[in-house]
Amino acid sequence: MRKTAILFVHGIAGSVQVFDFMKASLPDGMDVFFKTLEGHGSDWKNFSRCRFPLWIKDVERTLQDILSQHDSLLLVGHSMGCLLSLEMARRYPDRVKGLFLLCPPVKIGVRILPMLKTSLSALSGKESKDEAIRESHRCSGLPLSRNPFSYIAWAPPFLSLLVHVPKERKKLRKPDAECVALVSQKDELVSKRSGKYLERAGIETIRLADSGHYLFSGKDRDRILERFSRFLSGSERMER
């Protein structure tokens, strides 16, 4: 049995492409897994049948498969993937040895104008000049449609997440494992007040001043990668 593996978990309606900039930092000797959540990477009809409890079971099955061949696991989450990772840490405290959380949605805070621009860009079918919008489209785990009615089916999965978020705040605690949260201050979907809840829970919180939900500025990317490198170094020390 091998020692430590690392699992990346994306967010709702997202994809593992959001982690592309982190791949070069991964050590050669570690087994790396990228989880595509059920209902993603296909079409909106499959996505519309999914709910947050189903995604918990989906990630847990993957985690159990990995742990059947590894002693321990590191989790890297983005957006909803952070909540799924925190739940796995609660369920497997002796096996999950670290969490690295990007844009954890501890409190939702939708910025109307950026989201409206992103939606209109998707409906137009044209490539936007706005880099943040292009990045959100690139990281989408679902095909974008020019038919506005096709997005109605997205409502139940998103509603299931919105219902869960306040529950997560109530049970938010620092895991026994190392846990680092990075909160974008210009996030289109997550309130920057999430940082306060994370800090109150005793979780190391880093604020990214110039980044959004999908697009991280060059300076903030450097901060993420520097902290990610130390996060991985800690796991390597643990294996010795």
C-alpha atoms as a PDB file:
ATOM      1  CA  MET A   1       0.000   0.000   0.000  1.00  0.00           C
ATOM      2  CA  ARG A   2       1.286   3.432  -0.959  1.00  0.00           C
ATOM      3  CA  LYS A   3       1.386   6.291   1.519  1.00  0.00           C
ATOM      4  CA  THR A   4      -0.222   9.627   0.651  1.00  0.00           C
ATOM      5  CA  ALA A   5      -2.327  10.573  -2.383  1.00  0.00           C
ATOM      6  CA  ILE A   6      -3.924  13.891  -3.298  1.00  0.00           C
ATOM      7  CA  LEU A   7      -7.481  14.389  -4.580  1.00  0.00           C
ATOM      8  CA  PHE A   8      -8.745  17.560  -6.309  1.00  0.00           C
ATOM      9  CA  VAL A   9     -12.492  18.278  -6.113  1.00  0.00           C
ATOM     10  CA  HIS A  10     -14.092  21.040  -8.196  1.00  0.00           C
ATOM     11  CA  GLY A  11     -17.224  23.051  -7.464  1.00  0.00           C
ATOM     12  CA  ILE A  12     -20.811  23.058  -8.667  1.00  0.00           C
ATOM     13  CA  ALA A  13     -21.104  23.462 -12.455  1.00  0.00           C
ATOM     14  CA  GLY A  14     -17.299  23.673 -12.541  1.00  0.00           C
ATOM     15  CA  SER A  15     -14.506  21.406 -13.709  1.00  0.00           C
ATOM     16  CA  VAL A  16     -11.031  20.266 -12.708  1.00  0.00           C
ATOM     17  CA  GLN A  17      -9.614  22.789 -15.186  1.00  0.00           C
ATOM     18  CA  VAL A  18      -9.768  25.362 -12.399  1.00  0.00           C
ATOM     19  CA  PHE A  19      -6.727  23.585 -10.912  1.00  0.00           C
ATOM     20  CA  ASP A  20      -4.612  23.719 -14.094  1.00  0.00           C
ATOM     21  CA  PHE A  21      -2.218  26.363 -12.747  1.00  0.00           C
ATOM     22  CA  MET A  22      -1.401  24.154  -9.738  1.00  0.00           C
ATOM     23  CA  LYS A  23      -0.392  21.019 -11.643  1.00  0.00           C
ATOM     24  CA  ALA A  24       3.235  22.016 -12.188  1.00  0.00           C
ATOM     25  CA  SER A  25       3.717  22.207  -8.400  1.00  0.00           C
ATOM     26  CA  LEU A  26       2.745  18.579  -7.805  1.00  0.00           C
ATOM     27  CA  PRO A  27       5.562  16.257  -6.699  1.00  0.00           C
ATOM     28  CA  ASP A  28       6.502  13.409  -9.018  1.00  0.00           C
ATOM     29  CA  GLY A  29       6.276  10.729  -6.350  1.00  0.00           C
ATOM     30  CA  MET A  30       2.701  11.397  -5.234  1.00  0.00           C
ATOM     31  CA  ASP A  31      -0.391   9.776  -6.741  1.00  0.00           C
ATOM     32  CA  VAL A  32      -2.736  12.517  -7.951  1.00  0.00           C
ATOM     33  CA  PHE A  33      -6.462  12.179  -8.666  1.00  0.00           C
ATOM     34  CA  PHE A  34      -8.869  14.697 -10.206  1.00  0.00           C
ATOM     35  CA  LYS A  35     -12.530  14.131  -9.389  1.00  0.00           C
ATOM     36  CA  THR A  36     -15.226  15.063 -11.912  1.00  0.00           C
ATOM     37  CA  LEU A  37     -18.445  15.226  -9.934  1.00  0.00           C
ATOM     38  CA  GLU A  38     -21.482  13.276 -11.035  1.00  0.00           C
ATOM     39  CA  GLY A  39     -23.634  15.170 -13.535  1.00  0.00           C
ATOM     40  CA  HIS A  40     -20.710  17.254 -14.756  1.00  0.00           C
ATOM     41  CA  GLY A  41     -18.867  17.005 -18.048  1.00  0.00           C
ATOM     42  CA  SER A  42     -22.000  15.820 -19.863  1.00  0.00           C
ATOM     43  CA  ASP A  43     -25.188  17.862 -20.303  1.00  0.00           C
ATOM     44  CA  TRP A  44     -27.619  19.895 -18.249  1.00  0.00           C
ATOM     45  CA  LYS A  45     -30.190  17.066 -18.025  1.00  0.00           C
ATOM     46  CA  ASN A  46     -27.873  14.835 -15.999  1.00  0.00           C
ATOM     47  CA  PHE A  47     -26.789  17.797 -13.899  1.00  0.00           C
ATOM     48  CA  SER A  48     -30.412  18.710 -13.124  1.00  0.00           C
ATOM     49  CA  ARG A  49     -30.918  15.351 -11.368  1.00  0.00           C
ATOM     50  CA  CYS A  50     -28.027  15.923  -8.937  1.00  0.00           C
ATOM     51  CA  ARG A  51     -28.234  17.264  -5.395  1.00  0.00           C
ATOM     52  CA  PHE A  52     -25.653  18.072  -2.725  1.00  0.00           C
ATOM     53  CA  PRO A  53     -26.174  14.790  -0.767  1.00  0.00           C
ATOM     54  CA  LEU A  54     -25.535  12.837  -3.977  1.00  0.00           C
ATOM     55  CA  TRP A  55     -22.219  14.663  -4.472  1.00  0.00           C
ATOM     56  CA  ILE A  56     -21.196  13.780  -0.917  1.00  0.00           C
ATOM     57  CA  LYS A  57     -21.758  10.085  -1.704  1.00  0.00           C
ATOM     58  CA  ASP A  58     -19.985  10.475  -5.049  1.00  0.00           C
ATOM     59  CA  VAL A  59     -16.845  11.964  -3.491  1.00  0.00           C
ATOM     60  CA  GLU A  60     -16.922   9.457  -0.627  1.00  0.00           C
ATOM     61  CA  ARG A  61     -16.910   6.545  -3.077  1.00  0.00           C
ATOM     62  CA  THR A  62     -13.866   8.008  -4.802  1.00  0.00           C
ATOM     63  CA  LEU A  63     -12.167   8.652  -1.470  1.00  0.00           C
ATOM     64  CA  GLN A  64     -12.786   5.066  -0.340  1.00  0.00           C
ATOM     65  CA  ASP A  65     -11.342   3.721  -3.599  1.00  0.00           C
ATOM     66  CA  ILE A  66      -8.189   5.794  -3.123  1.00  0.00           C
ATOM     67  CA  LEU A  67      -7.834   4.873   0.548  1.00  0.00           C
ATOM     68  CA  SER A  68      -8.072   1.190  -0.333  1.00  0.00           C
ATOM     69  CA  GLN A  69      -4.610   1.624  -1.879  1.00  0.00           C
ATOM     70  CA  HIS A  70      -3.164   4.486   0.190  1.00  0.00           C
ATOM     71  CA  ASP A  71      -2.613   5.151   3.866  1.00  0.00           C
ATOM     72  CA  SER A  72      -3.766   8.759   3.779  1.00  0.00           C
ATOM     73  CA  LEU A  73      -5.121  11.504   1.560  1.00  0.00           C
ATOM     74  CA  LEU A  74      -4.764  15.236   0.966  1.00  0.00           C
ATOM     75  CA  LEU A  75      -7.793  17.095  -0.361  1.00  0.00           C
ATOM     76  CA  VAL A  76      -7.786  20.199  -2.555  1.00  0.00           C
ATOM     77  CA  GLY A  77     -11.182  21.783  -3.120  1.00  0.00           C
ATOM     78  CA  HIS A  78     -12.557  24.692  -5.091  1.00  0.00           C
ATOM     79  CA  SER A  79     -15.888  26.306  -4.203  1.00  0.00           C
ATOM     80  CA  MET A  80     -18.409  23.542  -3.364  1.00  0.00           C
ATOM     81  CA  GLY A  81     -15.494  21.117  -3.536  1.00  0.00           C
ATOM     82  CA  CYS A  82     -14.269  22.755  -0.307  1.00  0.00           C
ATOM     83  CA  LEU A  83     -17.492  21.830   1.505  1.00  0.00           C
ATOM     84  CA  LEU A  84     -17.283  18.272   0.195  1.00  0.00           C
ATOM     85  CA  SER A  85     -13.660  18.079   1.351  1.00  0.00           C
ATOM     86  CA  LEU A  86     -14.524  19.352   4.835  1.00  0.00           C
ATOM     87  CA  GLU A  87     -17.219  16.696   5.099  1.00  0.00           C
ATOM     88  CA  MET A  88     -14.735  13.981   4.133  1.00  0.00           C
ATOM     89  CA  ALA A  89     -12.320  15.261   6.793  1.00  0.00           C
ATOM     90  CA  ARG A  90     -15.080  14.918   9.383  1.00  0.00           C
ATOM     91  CA  ARG A  91     -15.897  11.390   8.273  1.00  0.00           C
ATOM     92  CA  TYR A  92     -12.312  10.181   7.908  1.00  0.00           C
ATOM     93  CA  PRO A  93     -10.287  12.181  10.458  1.00  0.00           C
ATOM     94  CA  ASP A  94      -7.572   9.530  10.721  1.00  0.00           C
ATOM     95  CA  ARG A  95      -7.028   9.259   6.974  1.00  0.00           C
ATOM     96  CA  VAL A  96      -7.447  12.820   5.658  1.00  0.00           C
ATOM     97  CA  LYS A  97      -4.161  14.545   6.515  1.00  0.00           C
ATOM     98  CA  GLY A  98      -4.619  17.961   4.940  1.00  0.00           C
ATOM     99  CA  LEU A  99      -7.103  20.304   3.218  1.00  0.00           C
ATOM    100  CA  PHE A 100      -6.287  23.123   0.819  1.00  0.00           C
ATOM    101  CA  LEU A 101      -9.430  25.151   0.124  1.00  0.00           C
ATOM    102  CA  LEU A 102      -9.884  27.668  -2.692  1.00  0.00           C
ATOM    103  CA  CYS A 103     -12.883  30.034  -2.497  1.00  0.00           C
ATOM    104  CA  PRO A 104     -14.790  28.065   0.173  1.00  0.00           C
ATOM    105  CA  PRO A 105     -18.470  29.154   0.032  1.00  0.00           C
ATOM    106  CA  VAL A 106     -19.041  29.448   3.754  1.00  0.00           C
ATOM    107  CA  LYS A 107     -21.294  32.418   3.006  1.00  0.00           C
ATOM    108  CA  ILE A 108     -22.834  33.138  -0.386  1.00  0.00           C
ATOM    109  CA  GLY A 109     -22.501  36.678  -1.748  1.00  0.00           C
ATOM    110  CA  VAL A 110     -23.456  36.984  -5.411  1.00  0.00           C
ATOM    111  CA  ARG A 111     -22.228  40.138  -7.144  1.00  0.00           C
ATOM    112  CA  ILE A 112     -25.059  40.942  -9.531  1.00  0.00           C
ATOM    113  CA  LEU A 113     -23.262  42.914 -12.259  1.00  0.00           C
ATOM    114  CA  PRO A 114     -20.391  40.427 -12.865  1.00  0.00           C
ATOM    115  CA  MET A 115     -22.849  37.504 -12.874  1.00  0.00           C
ATOM    116  CA  LEU A 116     -25.169  39.328 -15.273  1.00  0.00           C
ATOM    117  CA  LYS A 117     -22.279  39.994 -17.659  1.00  0.00           C
ATOM    118  CA  THR A 118     -21.208  36.334 -17.474  1.00  0.00           C
ATOM    119  CA  SER A 119     -24.742  35.139 -18.192  1.00  0.00           C
ATOM    120  CA  LEU A 120     -25.225  37.506 -21.129  1.00  0.00           C
ATOM    121  CA  SER A 121     -21.898  36.419 -22.574  1.00  0.00           C
ATOM    122  CA  ALA A 122     -22.962  32.747 -22.420  1.00  0.00           C
ATOM    123  CA  LEU A 123     -26.281  33.538 -24.102  1.00  0.00           C
ATOM    124  CA  SER A 124     -24.592  35.521 -26.863  1.00  0.00           C
ATOM    125  CA  GLY A 125     -22.318  32.624 -27.799  1.00  0.00           C
ATOM    126  CA  LYS A 126     -19.480  35.076 -28.411  1.00  0.00           C
ATOM    127  CA  GLU A 127     -16.118  35.099 -26.666  1.00  0.00           C
ATOM    128  CA  SER A 128     -15.983  37.856 -24.093  1.00  0.00           C
ATOM    129  CA  LYS A 129     -13.201  40.427 -23.877  1.00  0.00           C
ATOM    130  CA  ASP A 130     -13.422  40.166 -20.082  1.00  0.00           C
ATOM    131  CA  GLU A 131     -10.718  37.771 -18.818  1.00  0.00           C
ATOM    132  CA  ALA A 132     -12.732  36.786 -15.742  1.00  0.00           C
ATOM    133  CA  ILE A 133     -15.707  35.790 -17.905  1.00  0.00           C
ATOM    134  CA  ARG A 134     -13.504  33.823 -20.301  1.00  0.00           C
ATOM    135  CA  GLU A 135     -11.949  31.958 -17.380  1.00  0.00           C
ATOM    136  CA  SER A 136     -15.344  31.103 -15.869  1.00  0.00           C
ATOM    137  CA  HIS A 137     -16.453  29.722 -19.237  1.00  0.00           C
ATOM    138  CA  ARG A 138     -13.209  27.764 -19.645  1.00  0.00           C
ATOM    139  CA  CYS A 139     -13.665  26.149 -16.235  1.00  0.00           C
ATOM    140  CA  SER A 140     -17.338  25.340 -16.761  1.00  0.00           C
ATOM    141  CA  GLY A 141     -18.224  21.700 -16.239  1.00  0.00           C
ATOM    142  CA  LEU A 142     -21.342  22.018 -18.358  1.00  0.00           C
ATOM    143  CA  PRO A 143     -21.877  23.037 -21.987  1.00  0.00           C
ATOM    144  CA  LEU A 144     -22.975  26.646 -22.289  1.00  0.00           C
ATOM    145  CA  SER A 145     -26.262  27.200 -24.099  1.00  0.00           C
ATOM    146  CA  ARG A 146     -27.729  30.121 -25.998  1.00  0.00           C
ATOM    147  CA  ASN A 147     -31.200  28.983 -24.931  1.00  0.00           C
ATOM    148  CA  PRO A 148     -32.061  30.803 -21.680  1.00  0.00           C
ATOM    149  CA  PHE A 149     -34.713  28.213 -20.761  1.00  0.00           C
ATOM    150  CA  SER A 150     -32.122  25.437 -20.586  1.00  0.00           C
ATOM    151  CA  TYR A 151     -30.704  27.047 -17.440  1.00  0.00           C
ATOM    152  CA  ILE A 152     -33.983  26.593 -15.536  1.00  0.00           C
ATOM    153  CA  ALA A 153     -32.958  22.990 -14.905  1.00  0.00           C
ATOM    154  CA  TRP A 154     -29.880  24.250 -13.061  1.00  0.00           C
ATOM    155  CA  ALA A 155     -32.042  25.656 -10.250  1.00  0.00           C
ATOM    156  CA  PRO A 156     -32.623  22.478  -8.133  1.00  0.00           C
ATOM    157  CA  PRO A 157     -28.912  21.508  -7.854  1.00  0.00           C
ATOM    158  CA  PHE A 158     -27.926  25.074  -6.942  1.00  0.00           C
ATOM    159  CA  LEU A 159     -30.799  25.312  -4.472  1.00  0.00           C
ATOM    160  CA  SER A 160     -29.597  22.122  -2.753  1.00  0.00           C
ATOM    161  CA  LEU A 161     -26.200  23.771  -2.268  1.00  0.00           C
ATOM    162  CA  LEU A 162     -27.714  27.030  -0.987  1.00  0.00           C
ATOM    163  CA  VAL A 163     -29.732  25.084   1.585  1.00  0.00           C
ATOM    164  CA  HIS A 164     -26.570  23.349   2.795  1.00  0.00           C
ATOM    165  CA  VAL A 165     -24.316  26.406   3.182  1.00  0.00           C
ATOM    166  CA  PRO A 166     -25.867  27.713   6.456  1.00  0.00           C
ATOM    167  CA  LYS A 167     -25.619  24.183   7.876  1.00  0.00           C
ATOM    168  CA  GLU A 168     -21.925  24.151   7.028  1.00  0.00           C
ATOM    169  CA  ARG A 169     -21.367  27.412   8.901  1.00  0.00           C
ATOM    170  CA  LYS A 170     -22.936  25.928  12.039  1.00  0.00           C
ATOM    171  CA  LYS A 171     -20.685  22.858  12.062  1.00  0.00           C
ATOM    172  CA  LEU A 172     -17.558  24.570  10.762  1.00  0.00           C
ATOM    173  CA  ARG A 173     -14.596  23.477  12.859  1.00  0.00           C
ATOM    174  CA  LYS A 174     -10.888  23.258  12.207  1.00  0.00           C
ATOM    175  CA  PRO A 175     -10.107  19.658  11.220  1.00  0.00           C
ATOM    176  CA  ASP A 176      -7.412  17.773  13.090  1.00  0.00           C
ATOM    177  CA  ALA A 177      -5.479  17.856   9.803  1.00  0.00           C
ATOM    178  CA  GLU A 178      -3.694  20.910   8.420  1.00  0.00           C
ATOM    179  CA  CYS A 179      -6.273  23.171   6.800  1.00  0.00           C
ATOM    180  CA  VAL A 180      -5.632  26.256   4.681  1.00  0.00           C
ATOM    181  CA  ALA A 181      -8.390  28.427   3.164  1.00  0.00           C
ATOM    182  CA  LEU A 182      -7.850  31.061   0.475  1.00  0.00           C
ATOM    183  CA  VAL A 183     -10.643  33.612   0.116  1.00  0.00           C
ATOM    184  CA  SER A 184     -10.914  35.818  -2.979  1.00  0.00           C
ATOM    185  CA  GLN A 185     -11.892  39.384  -2.139  1.00  0.00           C
ATOM    186  CA  LYS A 186     -13.512  40.019  -5.538  1.00  0.00           C
ATOM    187  CA  ASP A 187     -15.387  36.716  -5.721  1.00  0.00           C
ATOM    188  CA  GLU A 188     -18.518  36.865  -7.879  1.00  0.00           C
ATOM    189  CA  LEU A 189     -20.302  34.134  -5.909  1.00  0.00           C
ATOM    190  CA  VAL A 190     -18.815  33.884  -2.419  1.00  0.00           C
ATOM    191  CA  SER A 191     -18.962  36.618   0.207  1.00  0.00           C
ATOM    192  CA  LYS A 192     -15.590  37.793   1.463  1.00  0.00           C
ATOM    193  CA  ARG A 193     -17.146  37.518   4.942  1.00  0.00           C
ATOM    194  CA  SER A 194     -16.471  33.800   4.572  1.00  0.00           C
ATOM    195  CA  GLY A 195     -12.975  34.620   5.775  1.00  0.00           C
ATOM    196  CA  LYS A 196     -14.294  35.726   9.176  1.00  0.00           C
ATOM    197  CA  TYR A 197     -16.178  32.478   9.710  1.00  0.00           C
ATOM    198  CA  LEU A 198     -13.126  30.450   8.732  1.00  0.00           C
ATOM    199  CA  GLU A 199     -10.862  32.400  11.087  1.00  0.00           C
ATOM    200  CA  ARG A 200     -13.333  32.007  13.963  1.00  0.00           C
ATOM    201  CA  ALA A 201     -13.204  28.260  13.364  1.00  0.00           C
ATOM    202  CA  GLY A 202      -9.413  28.391  13.779  1.00  0.00           C
ATOM    203  CA  ILE A 203      -8.658  27.715  10.125  1.00  0.00           C
ATOM    204  CA  GLU A 204      -5.661  29.459   8.561  1.00  0.00           C
ATOM    205  CA  THR A 205      -7.174  32.002   6.168  1.00  0.00           C
ATOM    206  CA  ILE A 206      -5.390  33.850   3.371  1.00  0.00           C
ATOM    207  CA  ARG A 207      -7.160  36.691   1.586  1.00  0.00           C
ATOM    208  CA  LEU A 208      -6.540  37.114  -2.141  1.00  0.00           C
ATOM    209  CA  ALA A 209      -6.969  40.838  -2.788  1.00  0.00           C
ATOM    210  CA  ASP A 210      -7.209  40.865  -6.583  1.00  0.00           C
ATOM    211  CA  SER A 211      -8.908  37.576  -7.448  1.00  0.00           C
ATOM    212  CA  GLY A 212     -12.386  36.315  -8.286  1.00  0.00           C
ATOM    213  CA  HIS A 213     -14.065  32.930  -8.162  1.00  0.00           C
ATOM    214  CA  TYR A 214     -12.234  31.472 -11.160  1.00  0.00           C
ATOM    215  CA  LEU A 215      -9.666  34.046 -12.194  1.00  0.00           C
ATOM    216  CA  PHE A 216      -6.692  34.489  -9.860  1.00  0.00           C
ATOM    217  CA  SER A 217      -4.365  37.426 -10.457  1.00  0.00           C
ATOM    218  CA  GLY A 218      -0.690  36.770 -11.123  1.00  0.00           C
ATOM    219  CA  LYS A 219       0.320  37.986  -7.670  1.00  0.00           C
ATOM    220  CA  ASP A 220      -2.373  35.928  -5.964  1.00  0.00           C
ATOM    221  CA  ARG A 221      -1.446  32.848  -7.982  1.00  0.00           C
ATOM    222  CA  ASP A 222       2.085  33.209  -6.661  1.00  0.00           C
ATOM    223  CA  ARG A 223       0.717  33.347  -3.097  1.00  0.00           C
ATOM    224  CA  ILE A 224      -1.435  30.264  -3.711  1.00  0.00           C
ATOM    225  CA  LEU A 225       1.449  28.286  -5.197  1.00  0.00           C
ATOM    226  CA  GLU A 226       3.882  29.316  -2.459  1.00  0.00           C
ATOM    227  CA  ARG A 227       1.468  28.199   0.262  1.00  0.00           C
ATOM    228  CA  PHE A 228       0.554  25.062  -1.711  1.00  0.00           C
ATOM    229  CA  SER A 229       4.237  24.157  -1.923  1.00  0.00           C
ATOM    230  CA  ARG A 230       4.562  24.399   1.871  1.00  0.00           C
ATOM    231  CA  PHE A 231       1.339  22.410   2.247  1.00  0.00           C
ATOM    232  CA  LEU A 232       2.822  19.609   0.140  1.00  0.00           C
ATOM    233  CA  SER A 233       6.150  19.807   1.956  1.00  0.00           C
ATOM    234  CA  GLY A 234       4.335  19.185   5.218  1.00  0.00           C
ATOM    235  CA  SER A 235       2.800  16.031   3.778  1.00  0.00           C
ATOM    236  CA  GLU A 236       6.199  14.846   2.583  1.00  0.00           C
ATOM    237  CA  ARG A 237       7.630  15.326   6.100  1.00  0.00           C
ATOM    238  CA  MET A 238       4.671  13.350   7.438  1.00  0.00           C
ATOM    239  CA  GLU A 239       5.538  10.377   5.221  1.00  0.00           C
ATOM    240  CA  ARG A 240       9.114  10.091   6.443  1.00  0.00           C
END
